[in-house]
N, C-alpha and C. Protein backbone atom coordinates (compact mmCIF):
# COMPACT_ATOMS: atom_id res chain seq x y z
N MET A 1 183.20 192.75 99.90
CA MET A 1 181.75 192.65 99.95
C MET A 1 181.16 193.91 99.35
N ARG A 2 180.17 193.72 98.51
CA ARG A 2 179.50 194.85 97.87
C ARG A 2 178.09 195.00 98.41
N GLU A 3 177.68 196.25 98.46
CA GLU A 3 176.32 196.56 98.90
C GLU A 3 175.53 197.04 97.67
N TYR A 4 174.44 196.35 97.41
CA TYR A 4 173.53 196.74 96.33
C TYR A 4 172.26 197.26 96.99
N LYS A 5 171.96 198.54 96.79
CA LYS A 5 170.75 199.12 97.36
C LYS A 5 169.56 198.72 96.49
N ILE A 6 168.49 198.33 97.16
CA ILE A 6 167.26 197.95 96.47
C ILE A 6 166.44 199.20 96.22
N LYS A 7 165.98 199.34 94.99
CA LYS A 7 165.23 200.52 94.58
C LYS A 7 163.99 200.71 95.45
N ARG A 8 163.71 201.94 95.78
CA ARG A 8 162.55 202.27 96.61
C ARG A 8 161.28 201.79 95.94
N GLY A 9 160.44 201.09 96.70
CA GLY A 9 159.18 200.58 96.18
C GLY A 9 159.31 199.22 95.51
N HIS A 10 160.52 198.72 95.36
CA HIS A 10 160.75 197.42 94.74
C HIS A 10 160.88 196.38 95.85
N ASN A 11 159.95 195.44 95.91
CA ASN A 11 159.93 194.44 96.99
C ASN A 11 159.94 193.02 96.42
N PRO A 12 161.09 192.56 95.95
CA PRO A 12 161.14 191.21 95.38
C PRO A 12 161.23 190.15 96.46
N ASP A 13 160.85 188.93 96.13
CA ASP A 13 161.04 187.78 97.02
C ASP A 13 162.43 187.24 96.69
N LEU A 14 163.43 187.69 97.44
CA LEU A 14 164.81 187.34 97.14
C LEU A 14 165.10 185.85 97.29
N ASN A 15 164.47 185.19 98.25
CA ASN A 15 164.67 183.75 98.41
C ASN A 15 164.22 183.00 97.16
N ALA A 16 163.08 183.41 96.60
CA ALA A 16 162.57 182.77 95.39
C ALA A 16 163.47 183.07 94.18
N LEU A 17 164.01 184.29 94.11
CA LEU A 17 164.90 184.64 93.01
C LEU A 17 166.19 183.82 93.05
N VAL A 18 166.78 183.69 94.22
CA VAL A 18 168.01 182.90 94.37
C VAL A 18 167.74 181.45 94.00
N SER A 19 166.60 180.95 94.43
CA SER A 19 166.23 179.56 94.12
C SER A 19 166.04 179.38 92.61
N ARG A 20 165.37 180.33 91.98
CA ARG A 20 165.09 180.23 90.55
C ARG A 20 166.36 180.35 89.70
N TYR A 21 167.22 181.31 90.01
CA TYR A 21 168.41 181.53 89.21
C TYR A 21 169.55 180.56 89.51
N PHE A 22 169.74 180.21 90.78
CA PHE A 22 170.92 179.44 91.16
C PHE A 22 170.62 178.10 91.83
N GLY A 23 169.35 177.81 92.10
CA GLY A 23 168.98 176.54 92.69
C GLY A 23 169.40 176.38 94.14
N ALA A 24 169.61 177.48 94.84
CA ALA A 24 170.03 177.44 96.24
C ALA A 24 168.86 177.80 97.14
N ASP A 25 168.76 177.10 98.27
CA ASP A 25 167.71 177.38 99.24
C ASP A 25 168.32 177.90 100.53
N GLY A 26 167.56 178.71 101.24
CA GLY A 26 168.01 179.26 102.51
C GLY A 26 167.23 180.51 102.84
N ASP A 27 167.67 181.21 103.86
CA ASP A 27 167.03 182.45 104.29
C ASP A 27 167.99 183.60 104.05
N ILE A 28 167.65 184.47 103.13
CA ILE A 28 168.54 185.57 102.74
C ILE A 28 168.69 186.61 103.85
N VAL A 29 167.71 186.71 104.73
CA VAL A 29 167.79 187.67 105.84
C VAL A 29 168.84 187.22 106.85
N LYS A 30 168.91 185.92 107.10
CA LYS A 30 169.93 185.39 108.01
C LYS A 30 171.28 185.28 107.33
N GLY A 31 171.27 185.21 106.02
CA GLY A 31 172.49 185.05 105.24
C GLY A 31 172.55 183.65 104.66
N MET A 32 173.03 183.55 103.45
CA MET A 32 173.13 182.25 102.81
C MET A 32 174.39 182.19 101.97
N GLN A 33 174.89 180.98 101.79
CA GLN A 33 176.08 180.77 100.99
C GLN A 33 175.83 179.62 100.03
N PHE A 34 176.27 179.80 98.79
CA PHE A 34 176.12 178.76 97.78
C PHE A 34 177.20 178.95 96.73
N SER A 35 177.34 177.96 95.88
CA SER A 35 178.36 178.00 94.84
C SER A 35 177.69 177.98 93.47
N VAL A 36 178.24 178.77 92.55
CA VAL A 36 177.70 178.86 91.20
C VAL A 36 178.84 178.65 90.21
N ASP A 37 178.64 177.77 89.23
CA ASP A 37 179.66 177.54 88.21
C ASP A 37 179.95 178.84 87.46
N GLY A 38 181.23 179.19 87.35
CA GLY A 38 181.63 180.38 86.62
C GLY A 38 181.66 181.64 87.46
N ILE A 39 180.97 181.66 88.59
CA ILE A 39 180.97 182.83 89.48
C ILE A 39 181.81 182.55 90.71
N GLY A 40 181.61 181.39 91.31
CA GLY A 40 182.38 181.00 92.50
C GLY A 40 181.49 180.83 93.71
N SER A 41 182.07 181.02 94.87
CA SER A 41 181.34 180.90 96.13
C SER A 41 180.69 182.25 96.44
N VAL A 42 179.38 182.25 96.60
CA VAL A 42 178.62 183.48 96.80
C VAL A 42 178.01 183.48 98.20
N THR A 43 178.20 184.58 98.92
CA THR A 43 177.57 184.78 100.21
C THR A 43 176.65 186.00 100.09
N MET A 44 175.38 185.83 100.44
CA MET A 44 174.40 186.93 100.33
C MET A 44 173.68 187.13 101.64
N LYS A 45 173.37 188.39 101.92
CA LYS A 45 172.58 188.72 103.10
C LYS A 45 171.81 190.00 102.81
N GLN A 46 170.55 190.02 103.23
CA GLN A 46 169.73 191.22 103.06
C GLN A 46 169.60 191.91 104.41
N GLU A 47 169.86 193.20 104.41
CA GLU A 47 169.65 194.04 105.59
C GLU A 47 168.86 195.26 105.16
N LYS A 48 167.64 195.36 105.66
CA LYS A 48 166.72 196.45 105.33
C LYS A 48 166.58 196.57 103.82
N SER A 49 167.02 197.68 103.22
CA SER A 49 166.84 197.87 101.78
C SER A 49 168.16 197.70 101.03
N SER A 50 169.04 196.85 101.55
CA SER A 50 170.31 196.59 100.89
C SER A 50 170.56 195.10 100.80
N LEU A 51 171.26 194.72 99.76
CA LEU A 51 171.65 193.34 99.54
C LEU A 51 173.18 193.31 99.54
N PHE A 52 173.77 192.59 100.49
CA PHE A 52 175.22 192.48 100.60
C PHE A 52 175.66 191.17 99.96
N ILE A 53 176.59 191.27 99.01
CA ILE A 53 177.05 190.10 98.28
C ILE A 53 178.58 190.05 98.31
N ASP A 54 179.09 188.89 98.69
CA ASP A 54 180.52 188.65 98.69
C ASP A 54 180.79 187.44 97.79
N ILE A 55 181.74 187.57 96.88
CA ILE A 55 182.05 186.50 95.94
C ILE A 55 183.52 186.13 96.04
N VAL A 56 183.76 184.84 96.15
CA VAL A 56 185.12 184.30 96.07
C VAL A 56 185.19 183.58 94.72
N PRO A 57 185.96 184.13 93.76
CA PRO A 57 185.97 183.56 92.42
C PRO A 57 186.57 182.16 92.37
N PRO A 58 186.19 181.38 91.35
CA PRO A 58 186.74 180.02 91.23
C PRO A 58 188.20 180.07 90.79
N LYS A 59 188.91 178.98 91.01
CA LYS A 59 190.32 178.92 90.63
C LYS A 59 190.50 178.82 89.13
N THR A 60 189.54 178.20 88.45
CA THR A 60 189.61 178.10 86.99
C THR A 60 188.57 179.03 86.38
N VAL A 61 188.95 179.66 85.29
CA VAL A 61 188.07 180.62 84.62
C VAL A 61 187.19 179.89 83.61
N CYS A 62 185.92 180.25 83.60
CA CYS A 62 184.96 179.66 82.67
C CYS A 62 184.79 180.62 81.49
N GLY A 63 184.75 180.11 80.28
CA GLY A 63 184.62 180.95 79.10
C GLY A 63 183.19 181.19 78.68
N ASP A 64 182.22 180.76 79.48
CA ASP A 64 180.81 180.91 79.13
C ASP A 64 180.30 182.29 79.55
N HIS A 65 180.02 183.14 78.58
CA HIS A 65 179.60 184.51 78.87
C HIS A 65 178.12 184.61 79.25
N SER A 66 177.37 183.54 79.09
CA SER A 66 175.96 183.58 79.47
C SER A 66 175.80 183.69 80.99
N ILE A 67 176.85 183.32 81.73
CA ILE A 67 176.81 183.44 83.19
C ILE A 67 176.72 184.90 83.60
N ILE A 68 177.42 185.78 82.89
CA ILE A 68 177.38 187.22 83.20
C ILE A 68 175.97 187.76 82.97
N LYS A 69 175.33 187.34 81.88
CA LYS A 69 173.95 187.78 81.62
C LYS A 69 173.01 187.27 82.70
N LYS A 70 173.19 186.03 83.10
CA LYS A 70 172.35 185.44 84.16
C LYS A 70 172.53 186.22 85.46
N TRP A 71 173.77 186.57 85.81
CA TRP A 71 174.05 187.33 87.03
C TRP A 71 173.43 188.72 86.96
N ASN A 72 173.58 189.40 85.82
CA ASN A 72 172.99 190.73 85.66
C ASN A 72 171.47 190.70 85.70
N ASP A 73 170.87 189.66 85.11
CA ASP A 73 169.41 189.52 85.17
C ASP A 73 168.96 189.32 86.62
N PHE A 74 169.71 188.51 87.36
CA PHE A 74 169.37 188.31 88.78
C PHE A 74 169.45 189.63 89.55
N LEU A 75 170.55 190.38 89.37
CA LEU A 75 170.71 191.65 90.09
C LEU A 75 169.62 192.65 89.70
N PHE A 76 169.21 192.65 88.44
CA PHE A 76 168.14 193.55 88.01
C PHE A 76 166.83 193.22 88.72
N GLU A 77 166.49 191.93 88.76
CA GLU A 77 165.24 191.54 89.43
C GLU A 77 165.33 191.73 90.94
N ALA A 78 166.51 191.55 91.51
CA ALA A 78 166.67 191.66 92.96
C ALA A 78 166.67 193.12 93.43
N THR A 79 167.31 194.02 92.66
CA THR A 79 167.46 195.40 93.11
C THR A 79 166.52 196.37 92.40
N GLY A 80 166.01 195.98 91.24
CA GLY A 80 165.17 196.89 90.46
C GLY A 80 165.99 197.90 89.67
N LYS A 81 167.32 197.72 89.66
CA LYS A 81 168.21 198.65 88.95
C LYS A 81 168.96 197.89 87.87
N ASP A 82 169.06 198.53 86.69
CA ASP A 82 169.80 197.89 85.62
C ASP A 82 171.30 198.14 85.79
N THR A 83 172.10 197.62 84.87
CA THR A 83 173.56 197.71 84.97
C THR A 83 174.03 199.16 85.01
N LYS A 84 173.43 199.99 84.21
CA LYS A 84 173.82 201.40 84.14
C LYS A 84 173.58 202.10 85.48
N GLU A 85 172.43 201.85 86.09
CA GLU A 85 172.10 202.47 87.38
C GLU A 85 173.04 201.97 88.48
N ARG A 86 173.35 200.66 88.47
CA ARG A 86 174.27 200.11 89.48
C ARG A 86 175.67 200.69 89.31
N LYS A 87 176.13 200.84 88.08
CA LYS A 87 177.45 201.40 87.82
C LYS A 87 177.52 202.86 88.30
N LYS A 88 176.48 203.61 88.04
CA LYS A 88 176.43 205.00 88.47
C LYS A 88 176.48 205.09 89.99
N GLU A 89 175.79 204.19 90.67
CA GLU A 89 175.77 204.15 92.12
C GLU A 89 177.16 203.83 92.69
N PHE A 90 177.86 202.88 92.07
CA PHE A 90 179.20 202.52 92.54
C PHE A 90 180.20 203.63 92.24
N GLY A 91 179.95 204.44 91.22
CA GLY A 91 180.83 205.55 90.89
C GLY A 91 180.82 206.64 91.94
N LYS A 92 179.75 206.71 92.71
CA LYS A 92 179.64 207.73 93.78
C LYS A 92 180.46 207.36 95.01
N ILE A 93 180.79 206.07 95.13
CA ILE A 93 181.51 205.61 96.34
C ILE A 93 182.99 205.94 96.23
């Protein structure tokens, strides 16, 4: 499980983002689970200013690279941090 810290002052509607990007409905504060083609089974939960995401990858690999862009776009809108900022944050751990 990974923890993505949400940038200070960034207050996205995470339920709406998940619905828009992945078509899944639920309450992110209570925790939600859904499946995405090419990513696998995703479990998300928001606690205060952090987003916890656990992914179980699919058994077959998908060759569509647009899924990675879609995932990164979602994380950018959800956390307010781009790929470079998230990588720097994980490097500190």
